[in-house]
C-alpha atoms as a PDB file:
ATOM      1  CA  UNK A   1       0.000   0.000   0.000  1.00  0.00           C
ATOM      2  CA  UNK A   2       1.942   2.974  -1.279  1.00  0.00           C
ATOM      3  CA  UNK A   3       1.607   6.186   0.742  1.00  0.00           C
ATOM      4  CA  UNK A   4      -0.253   4.435   3.555  1.00  0.00           C
ATOM      5  CA  UNK A   5      -0.031   7.534   5.727  1.00  0.00           C
ATOM      6  CA  UNK A   6      -2.344   9.356   3.296  1.00  0.00           C
ATOM      7  CA  UNK A   7      -5.166   6.822   3.498  1.00  0.00           C
ATOM      8  CA  UNK A   8      -8.402   6.689   5.466  1.00  0.00           C
ATOM      9  CA  UNK A   9      -8.089   4.335   8.444  1.00  0.00           C
ATOM     10  CA  UNK A  10     -11.647   4.337   9.789  1.00  0.00           C
ATOM     11  CA  UNK A  11     -13.205   0.947   9.119  1.00  0.00           C
ATOM     12  CA  UNK A  12      -9.909  -0.950   8.815  1.00  0.00           C
ATOM     13  CA  UNK A  13      -9.161  -3.980  10.950  1.00  0.00           C
ATOM     14  CA  UNK A  14      -5.844  -3.550  12.760  1.00  0.00           C
ATOM     15  CA  UNK A  15      -3.557  -5.290  15.242  1.00  0.00           C
ATOM     16  CA  UNK A  16      -1.405  -3.336  17.707  1.00  0.00           C
ATOM     17  CA  UNK A  17       2.117  -4.758  17.234  1.00  0.00           C
ATOM     18  CA  UNK A  18       3.997  -2.302  19.450  1.00  0.00           C
ATOM     19  CA  UNK A  19       2.925   0.079  22.173  1.00  0.00           C
ATOM     20  CA  UNK A  20       4.335   2.102  25.054  1.00  0.00           C
ATOM     21  CA  UNK A  21       1.646   0.317  27.103  1.00  0.00           C
ATOM     22  CA  UNK A  22       2.612  -3.362  26.816  1.00  0.00           C
ATOM     23  CA  UNK A  23      -0.979  -4.375  27.701  1.00  0.00           C
ATOM     24  CA  UNK A  24      -2.122  -2.988  24.337  1.00  0.00           C
ATOM     25  CA  UNK A  25       0.193  -5.215  22.272  1.00  0.00           C
ATOM     26  CA  UNK A  26      -1.864  -7.837  20.467  1.00  0.00           C
ATOM     27  CA  UNK A  27      -5.082  -5.805  20.687  1.00  0.00           C
ATOM     28  CA  UNK A  28      -7.031  -6.294  17.484  1.00  0.00           C
ATOM     29  CA  UNK A  29     -10.186  -4.685  16.268  1.00  0.00           C
ATOM     30  CA  UNK A  30     -11.619  -2.113  13.909  1.00  0.00           C
ATOM     31  CA  UNK A  31     -10.772   1.575  13.871  1.00  0.00           C
ATOM     32  CA  UNK A  32     -14.072   3.376  14.474  1.00  0.00           C
ATOM     33  CA  UNK A  33     -12.799   6.944  14.900  1.00  0.00           C
ATOM     34  CA  UNK A  34      -9.642   8.990  14.531  1.00  0.00           C
ATOM     35  CA  UNK A  35      -8.631  12.344  15.950  1.00  0.00           C
ATOM     36  CA  UNK A  36      -5.466  14.391  15.618  1.00  0.00           C
ATOM     37  CA  UNK A  37      -3.617  12.271  18.156  1.00  0.00           C
ATOM     38  CA  UNK A  38      -5.726   9.138  18.790  1.00  0.00           C
ATOM     39  CA  UNK A  39      -7.320   6.095  17.233  1.00  0.00           C
ATOM     40  CA  UNK A  40     -10.452   4.614  18.773  1.00  0.00           C
ATOM     41  CA  UNK A  41     -10.514   0.875  18.196  1.00  0.00           C
ATOM     42  CA  UNK A  42     -13.553  -1.329  18.750  1.00  0.00           C
ATOM     43  CA  UNK A  43     -12.260  -4.580  20.168  1.00  0.00           C
ATOM     44  CA  UNK A  44     -14.615  -7.200  21.503  1.00  0.00           C
ATOM     45  CA  UNK A  45     -17.474  -5.553  23.373  1.00  0.00           C
ATOM     46  CA  UNK A  46     -15.693  -2.287  24.121  1.00  0.00           C
ATOM     47  CA  UNK A  47     -13.726   0.560  22.640  1.00  0.00           C
ATOM     48  CA  UNK A  48     -10.135   1.468  23.386  1.00  0.00           C
ATOM     49  CA  UNK A  49      -8.549   4.881  22.767  1.00  0.00           C
ATOM     50  CA  UNK A  50      -4.883   4.698  21.802  1.00  0.00           C
ATOM     51  CA  UNK A  51      -2.413   7.539  21.385  1.00  0.00           C
ATOM     52  CA  UNK A  52      -1.004   7.426  17.846  1.00  0.00           C
ATOM     53  CA  UNK A  53       2.485   8.441  18.911  1.00  0.00           C
ATOM     54  CA  UNK A  54       2.722   5.435  21.258  1.00  0.00           C
ATOM     55  CA  UNK A  55       1.744   2.584  18.929  1.00  0.00           C
ATOM     56  CA  UNK A  56       2.572   0.679  15.779  1.00  0.00           C
ATOM     57  CA  UNK A  57      -0.196  -1.035  13.826  1.00  0.00           C
ATOM     58  CA  UNK A  58      -0.397  -3.944  11.444  1.00  0.00           C
ATOM     59  CA  UNK A  59      -3.084  -3.735   8.788  1.00  0.00           C
ATOM     60  CA  UNK A  60      -3.643  -7.340   7.651  1.00  0.00           C
ATOM     61  CA  UNK A  61      -5.805  -6.332   4.661  1.00  0.00           C
ATOM     62  CA  UNK A  62      -2.794  -4.625   3.095  1.00  0.00           C
ATOM     63  CA  UNK A  63      -0.042  -6.660   4.752  1.00  0.00           C
ATOM     64  CA  UNK A  64       1.715  -3.606   6.182  1.00  0.00           C
ATOM     65  CA  UNK A  65       2.917  -2.248   9.509  1.00  0.00           C
ATOM     66  CA  UNK A  66       2.948   1.459  10.212  1.00  0.00           C
ATOM     67  CA  UNK A  67       4.157   3.526  13.146  1.00  0.00           C
ATOM     68  CA  UNK A  68       1.410   5.650  14.629  1.00  0.00           C
ATOM     69  CA  UNK A  69       3.733   8.645  15.005  1.00  0.00           C
ATOM     70  CA  UNK A  70       3.700   8.934  11.200  1.00  0.00           C
ATOM     71  CA  UNK A  71      -0.059   9.461  11.368  1.00  0.00           C
ATOM     72  CA  UNK A  72      -0.191  12.207  14.001  1.00  0.00           C
ATOM     73  CA  UNK A  73      -2.226  15.117  12.684  1.00  0.00           C
ATOM     74  CA  UNK A  74      -5.773  15.806  11.690  1.00  0.00           C
ATOM     75  CA  UNK A  75      -6.962  12.980   9.437  1.00  0.00           C
ATOM     76  CA  UNK A  76      -8.622  15.329   6.959  1.00  0.00           C
ATOM     77  CA  UNK A  77      -5.366  17.263   6.511  1.00  0.00           C
ATOM     78  CA  UNK A  78      -3.281  14.101   6.179  1.00  0.00           C
ATOM     79  CA  UNK A  79      -5.537  12.714   3.459  1.00  0.00           C
ATOM     80  CA  UNK A  80      -5.440  15.983   1.445  1.00  0.00           C
ATOM     81  CA  UNK A  81      -1.611  16.183   1.405  1.00  0.00           C
ATOM     82  CA  UNK A  82       0.069  15.354  -1.856  1.00  0.00           C
END
């Protein structure tokens, strides 16, 4: 997935592969919302808010891993960038 940082992430299934909070590693679910500095992931029966700068995600659909710190910023601005 070329230029993954410029894509929409809401609706994608993800797995947390690295995190400053070791309890979050292995968390998998669907991104249901994104803000400037967080992802909200629906996992199981609940939702978990994760700071982008503290995590790395695997996106199985595209077979990629991406560091959350590369995604910090308003999603609408990131998607518009060329």
